Amino acid sequence: MPIVVVHSNPLFWVRLCAMVFSCVAFAVTIHGADLKHGTGDWFVFCWAFSFAGTLLVLLVELFGLQTRAPVSWKNFPITFACYASLLCLSASIIFPLYFLKGQTSRNETHNYRIVATVFSCLATIAYMSEVSISKARPGEVAGYMTTAPGLLKVCETFVACVIFVFISDPVSYNSHDALRWCLAVYCICFILSAAIIVLCICECTGCLPFPFARFLSAYALLAVIMYLSATIVWPIFTFDRKHSSSRPTFCGNSQGLCAWDKQMAVAVLTAVNFVLYLADLIYSARLVFITV
């Protein structure tokens, strides 16, 4: 009976497509993409992690084991799908920059890389479709992670992780104390957002000594103020002529992203996270979800 129910659910087919697309992406990459650059391991991880997690979700629901899972099944599947969509999206954007940019030869390796990029894009669409189907509708009793604030938390932590990657290779926050403040903003907000996600998935929000909804609103306000300062400070002390030079000419021809491009990406992603936290604050201020 559980198998019949799962097969009649559109989520099953969306997840199956996402699993197949991510599987093809990393299988093709491993087989013939010839990723000599160390960054290639990250892309393989993105696709393999998405495939393995989706396979786990499918098996749990196929055999009706949701009640035996050690996590909240109202929150876990959509949280994973959101992270998988972001991982595949980042791979779909960054993979061509490292392994297709500037390539003029049309050999077999090049074709494998194109196929991997195409299936990564398809996996992204499938995972985004899963999130769209799974998210809570207005007035629906659902877990916190299925609501807009919950999904925003996932996006906030993911953007922060990408920022950490860009500012650490090469290290770009040691030149001034103001940039170290930006690093502190990224770390503090990431840790708190990640903690909220873990509490929701483990259904431990009721153990807090204060109302969870009020904590969410207060934290969102604090994060907005901190990210606003980082959004202003990072570009000033990174790209101002007194502290930095203009974009090097070799960046246009270099493989992947040069140091200047990564600093610019951090500035953009900081602004993106500021907007996400602002939206989070608006939603949290008029919280409409029921009980996590």
Protein backbone atom coordinates (compact mmCIF):
# COMPACT_ATOMS: atom_id res chain seq x y z
CA MET A 1 0.00 0.00 0.00
CA PRO A 2 2.72 2.61 0.81
CA ILE A 3 4.31 1.97 -2.59
CA VAL A 4 1.03 2.66 -4.41
CA VAL A 5 0.58 5.91 -2.52
CA VAL A 6 4.10 7.05 -3.27
CA HIS A 7 3.78 6.30 -6.98
CA SER A 8 0.58 8.37 -7.19
CA ASN A 9 2.38 11.31 -5.62
CA PRO A 10 3.96 13.79 -8.08
CA LEU A 11 6.75 14.33 -5.56
CA PHE A 12 7.90 10.77 -6.20
CA TRP A 13 8.40 11.41 -9.90
CA VAL A 14 10.06 14.78 -9.36
CA ARG A 15 12.48 13.23 -6.88
CA LEU A 16 13.13 10.31 -9.22
CA CYS A 17 14.00 12.73 -12.04
CA ALA A 18 16.26 14.75 -9.73
CA MET A 19 18.03 11.58 -8.61
CA VAL A 20 18.57 10.39 -12.18
CA PHE A 21 19.80 13.77 -13.44
CA SER A 22 22.27 14.23 -10.56
CA CYS A 23 23.46 10.63 -10.98
CA VAL A 24 24.13 11.17 -14.69
CA ALA A 25 25.94 14.44 -13.96
CA PHE A 26 28.50 12.95 -11.57
CA ALA A 27 28.77 9.63 -13.46
CA VAL A 28 29.59 11.38 -16.73
CA THR A 29 32.03 13.68 -14.94
CA ILE A 30 33.89 10.81 -13.33
CA HIS A 31 33.90 8.74 -16.51
CA GLY A 32 35.27 11.20 -19.06
CA ALA A 33 35.31 14.85 -18.00
CA ASP A 34 39.00 14.69 -16.97
CA LEU A 35 38.78 17.13 -14.06
CA LYS A 36 42.42 17.68 -13.21
CA HIS A 37 41.69 20.91 -11.32
CA GLY A 38 41.01 20.29 -7.61
CA THR A 39 37.77 22.25 -7.84
CA GLY A 40 36.31 19.35 -9.80
CA ASP A 41 36.00 17.33 -6.59
CA TRP A 42 33.54 19.90 -5.27
CA PHE A 43 31.25 19.53 -8.28
CA VAL A 44 31.32 15.74 -8.05
CA PHE A 45 30.42 16.07 -4.36
CA CYS A 46 27.47 18.37 -5.16
CA TRP A 47 25.94 15.88 -7.60
CA ALA A 48 26.81 12.74 -5.63
CA PHE A 49 25.51 14.20 -2.35
CA SER A 50 22.25 15.25 -4.02
CA PHE A 51 21.85 11.79 -5.58
CA ALA A 52 22.55 9.92 -2.32
CA GLY A 53 20.23 12.11 -0.24
CA THR A 54 17.38 11.83 -2.73
CA LEU A 55 17.82 8.06 -2.90
CA LEU A 56 17.55 7.94 0.91
CA VAL A 57 14.37 10.04 0.91
CA LEU A 58 12.80 7.85 -1.78
CA LEU A 59 13.61 4.64 0.07
CA VAL A 60 12.21 5.96 3.37
CA GLU A 61 8.95 7.01 1.75
CA LEU A 62 8.79 3.93 -0.47
CA PHE A 63 8.83 1.64 2.57
CA GLY A 64 6.79 3.95 4.82
CA LEU A 65 9.56 4.51 7.38
CA GLN A 66 8.86 8.21 8.01
CA THR A 67 7.71 7.66 11.61
CA ARG A 68 10.89 5.72 12.41
CA ALA A 69 13.21 8.38 11.04
CA PRO A 70 15.29 10.15 13.73
CA VAL A 71 14.37 13.55 12.24
CA SER A 72 11.16 15.45 11.57
CA TRP A 73 9.85 14.22 8.20
CA LYS A 74 7.79 17.40 7.92
CA ASN A 75 11.02 19.38 7.72
CA PHE A 76 13.84 17.15 6.47
CA PRO A 77 12.88 16.33 2.84
CA ILE A 78 12.22 19.91 1.78
CA THR A 79 15.31 21.14 3.63
CA PHE A 80 17.46 18.62 1.77
CA ALA A 81 15.77 19.41 -1.56
CA CYS A 82 16.45 23.12 -1.07
CA TYR A 83 20.13 22.49 -0.30
CA ALA A 84 20.38 20.09 -3.26
CA SER A 85 18.85 22.66 -5.61
CA LEU A 86 21.35 25.28 -4.44
CA LEU A 87 24.28 22.86 -4.74
CA CYS A 88 23.29 21.85 -8.27
CA LEU A 89 22.63 25.48 -9.20
CA SER A 90 26.07 26.56 -8.00
CA ALA A 91 27.65 23.63 -9.86
CA SER A 92 25.74 24.53 -13.02
CA ILE A 93 27.11 28.07 -12.89
CA ILE A 94 30.66 27.55 -11.65
CA PHE A 95 31.50 24.27 -13.42
CA PRO A 96 31.50 25.89 -16.91
CA LEU A 97 33.69 28.74 -15.62
CA TYR A 98 36.42 26.26 -14.67
CA PHE A 99 36.07 23.59 -17.33
CA LEU A 100 34.36 25.14 -20.36
CA LYS A 101 35.48 28.77 -20.28
CA GLY A 102 38.09 29.51 -22.94
CA GLN A 103 37.99 25.96 -24.34
CA THR A 104 38.17 26.04 -28.14
CA SER A 105 38.79 22.34 -28.84
CA ARG A 106 35.74 20.13 -29.37
CA ASN A 107 37.07 16.77 -28.23
CA GLU A 108 35.39 13.95 -26.30
CA THR A 109 36.35 15.42 -22.92
CA HIS A 110 34.71 18.72 -23.87
CA ASN A 111 31.51 16.88 -24.81
CA TYR A 112 31.43 15.05 -21.47
CA ARG A 113 31.71 18.37 -19.67
CA ILE A 114 28.84 19.82 -21.68
CA VAL A 115 26.67 16.80 -20.85
CA ALA A 116 27.51 17.15 -17.15
CA THR A 117 26.53 20.83 -17.24
CA VAL A 118 23.23 20.09 -19.00
CA PHE A 119 22.22 17.38 -16.53
CA SER A 120 23.28 19.57 -13.62
CA CYS A 121 20.86 22.23 -14.90
CA LEU A 122 18.12 19.61 -15.25
CA ALA A 123 18.75 18.41 -11.69
CA THR A 124 18.50 22.01 -10.49
CA ILE A 125 15.11 22.41 -12.16
CA ALA A 126 13.89 19.12 -10.69
CA TYR A 127 14.97 20.02 -7.14
CA MET A 128 13.42 23.48 -7.43
CA SER A 129 10.21 21.84 -8.58
CA GLU A 130 10.28 19.58 -5.53
CA VAL A 131 10.70 22.58 -3.24
CA SER A 132 7.84 24.37 -5.00
CA ILE A 133 5.53 21.37 -4.60
CA SER A 134 6.52 20.71 -0.97
CA LYS A 135 6.39 24.23 0.44
CA ALA A 136 3.53 25.16 2.74
CA ARG A 137 0.50 26.92 1.31
CA PRO A 138 -1.22 29.87 3.09
CA GLY A 139 -3.21 28.62 6.07
CA GLU A 140 -1.73 25.12 5.90
CA VAL A 141 -0.47 23.48 9.08
CA ALA A 142 3.12 22.53 8.27
CA GLY A 143 6.66 22.36 9.58
CA TYR A 144 8.71 25.53 9.85
CA MET A 145 11.15 24.48 7.11
CA THR A 146 8.30 24.27 4.58
CA THR A 147 7.44 27.94 5.13
CA ALA A 148 9.09 30.92 3.47
CA PRO A 149 11.19 31.83 6.57
CA GLY A 150 12.45 28.25 6.80
CA LEU A 151 13.46 28.12 3.15
CA LEU A 152 15.12 31.52 3.51
CA LYS A 153 17.23 30.10 6.35
CA VAL A 154 18.52 27.42 3.98
CA CYS A 155 19.40 30.01 1.35
CA GLU A 156 21.10 32.22 3.93
CA THR A 157 23.35 29.44 5.20
CA PHE A 158 24.21 28.30 1.68
CA VAL A 159 25.14 31.81 0.52
CA ALA A 160 27.30 32.17 3.63
CA CYS A 161 29.12 28.91 2.78
CA VAL A 162 29.89 30.20 -0.72
CA ILE A 163 31.18 33.43 0.82
CA PHE A 164 33.47 31.42 3.11
CA VAL A 165 34.91 29.60 0.09
CA PHE A 166 35.62 32.82 -1.80
CA ILE A 167 37.18 34.76 1.10
CA SER A 168 39.45 31.88 2.14
CA ASP A 169 41.08 31.15 -1.24
CA PRO A 170 42.95 33.45 -1.26
CA VAL A 171 42.44 34.93 2.21
CA SER A 172 40.94 38.37 1.60
CA TYR A 173 39.89 39.58 5.06
CA ASN A 174 43.23 40.15 6.80
CA SER A 175 44.11 43.46 5.19
CA HIS A 176 41.90 45.59 7.45
CA ASP A 177 39.97 45.26 10.73
CA ALA A 178 36.77 46.31 8.96
CA LEU A 179 37.01 43.22 6.75
CA ARG A 180 37.49 41.06 9.83
CA TRP A 181 34.21 42.51 11.11
CA CYS A 182 32.55 41.33 7.89
CA LEU A 183 33.96 37.84 8.50
CA ALA A 184 32.48 37.94 12.02
CA VAL A 185 29.09 38.88 10.55
CA TYR A 186 29.20 35.95 8.14
CA CYS A 187 30.21 33.51 10.89
CA ILE A 188 27.74 34.64 13.56
CA CYS A 189 24.74 34.71 11.23
CA PHE A 190 25.68 31.39 9.65
CA ILE A 191 26.00 29.63 13.02
CA LEU A 192 22.68 30.96 14.31
CA SER A 193 20.79 30.18 11.10
CA ALA A 194 22.28 26.69 10.98
CA ALA A 195 21.32 26.14 14.63
CA ILE A 196 17.71 27.12 13.87
CA ILE A 197 17.59 24.64 11.00
CA VAL A 198 18.96 21.84 13.19
CA LEU A 199 16.47 22.64 15.97
CA CYS A 200 13.59 22.47 13.51
CA ILE A 201 14.70 19.24 11.85
CA CYS A 202 15.25 17.61 15.25
CA GLU A 203 12.00 19.11 16.62
CA CYS A 204 13.76 20.65 19.60
CA THR A 205 12.33 24.17 19.40
CA GLY A 206 10.06 23.48 22.36
CA CYS A 207 13.10 22.95 24.59
CA LEU A 208 14.16 26.60 24.31
CA PRO A 209 13.69 28.74 27.46
CA PHE A 210 12.03 31.48 25.38
CA PRO A 211 9.33 31.67 22.70
CA PHE A 212 10.73 30.42 19.39
CA ALA A 213 8.75 32.91 17.26
CA ARG A 214 10.06 35.91 19.22
CA PHE A 215 13.61 34.60 18.96
CA LEU A 216 13.24 34.30 15.18
CA SER A 217 12.06 37.91 14.87
CA ALA A 218 14.79 39.26 17.16
CA TYR A 219 17.50 37.29 15.35
CA ALA A 220 16.25 38.36 11.92
CA LEU A 221 16.42 42.02 13.00
CA LEU A 222 19.96 41.57 14.35
CA ALA A 223 21.06 39.78 11.16
CA VAL A 224 19.64 42.53 8.96
CA ILE A 225 21.57 45.20 10.86
CA MET A 226 24.81 43.19 10.78
CA TYR A 227 24.55 42.33 7.09
CA LEU A 228 23.69 45.92 6.23
CA SER A 229 26.98 46.99 7.80
CA ALA A 230 28.88 44.25 5.94
CA THR A 231 27.20 45.18 2.65
CA ILE A 232 28.53 48.73 3.05
CA VAL A 233 31.92 47.97 4.61
CA TRP A 234 33.15 45.13 2.34
CA PRO A 235 33.10 47.07 -0.98
CA ILE A 236 34.56 50.21 0.61
CA PHE A 237 37.64 48.49 2.02
CA THR A 238 38.05 46.04 -0.86
CA PHE A 239 37.46 48.10 -4.01
CA ASP A 240 38.09 51.67 -2.93
CA ARG A 241 41.15 53.05 -4.75
CA LYS A 242 42.83 53.84 -1.44
CA HIS A 243 42.72 50.18 -0.46
CA SER A 244 42.69 48.23 -3.71
CA SER A 245 43.46 48.45 -7.41
CA SER A 246 41.09 47.94 -10.33
CA ARG A 247 40.30 44.57 -11.92
CA PRO A 248 43.45 42.98 -13.42
CA THR A 249 43.35 42.42 -17.16
CA PHE A 250 44.30 38.75 -16.89
CA CYS A 251 41.05 37.97 -15.02
CA GLY A 252 39.17 37.92 -18.30
CA ASN A 253 41.26 35.05 -19.65
CA SER A 254 42.05 33.09 -16.49
CA GLN A 255 40.41 29.77 -15.73
CA GLY A 256 37.64 30.04 -13.16
CA LEU A 257 37.57 33.13 -10.95
CA CYS A 258 40.61 35.23 -10.15
CA ALA A 259 41.11 36.80 -6.70
CA TRP A 260 39.49 40.09 -7.77
CA ASP A 261 36.45 38.28 -9.14
CA LYS A 262 36.07 36.35 -5.90
CA GLN A 263 36.15 39.58 -3.89
CA MET A 264 33.47 41.02 -6.15
CA ALA A 265 31.45 37.84 -5.73
CA VAL A 266 31.67 38.24 -1.95
CA ALA A 267 30.35 41.80 -2.25
CA VAL A 268 27.42 40.65 -4.38
CA LEU A 269 26.64 37.65 -2.19
CA THR A 270 26.76 39.84 0.92
CA ALA A 271 24.12 42.07 -0.63
CA VAL A 272 22.09 39.00 -1.60
CA ASN A 273 22.16 37.70 1.97
CA PHE A 274 21.15 41.12 3.26
CA VAL A 275 18.05 40.97 1.04
CA LEU A 276 17.34 37.40 2.19
CA TYR A 277 17.57 38.38 5.86
CA LEU A 278 15.39 41.43 5.21
CA ALA A 279 12.73 39.20 3.66
CA ASP A 280 13.18 36.81 6.58
CA LEU A 281 12.55 39.66 9.01
CA ILE A 282 9.36 40.66 7.21
CA TYR A 283 8.04 37.10 7.24
CA SER A 284 9.11 36.45 10.84
CA ALA A 285 7.44 39.65 12.03
CA ARG A 286 4.09 38.32 10.88
CA LEU A 287 4.68 34.63 11.44
CA VAL A 288 1.88 32.52 9.95
CA PHE A 289 3.12 28.96 10.51
CA ILE A 290 1.55 26.95 13.30
CA THR A 291 3.77 24.51 15.21
CA VAL A 292 7.12 23.19 14.09
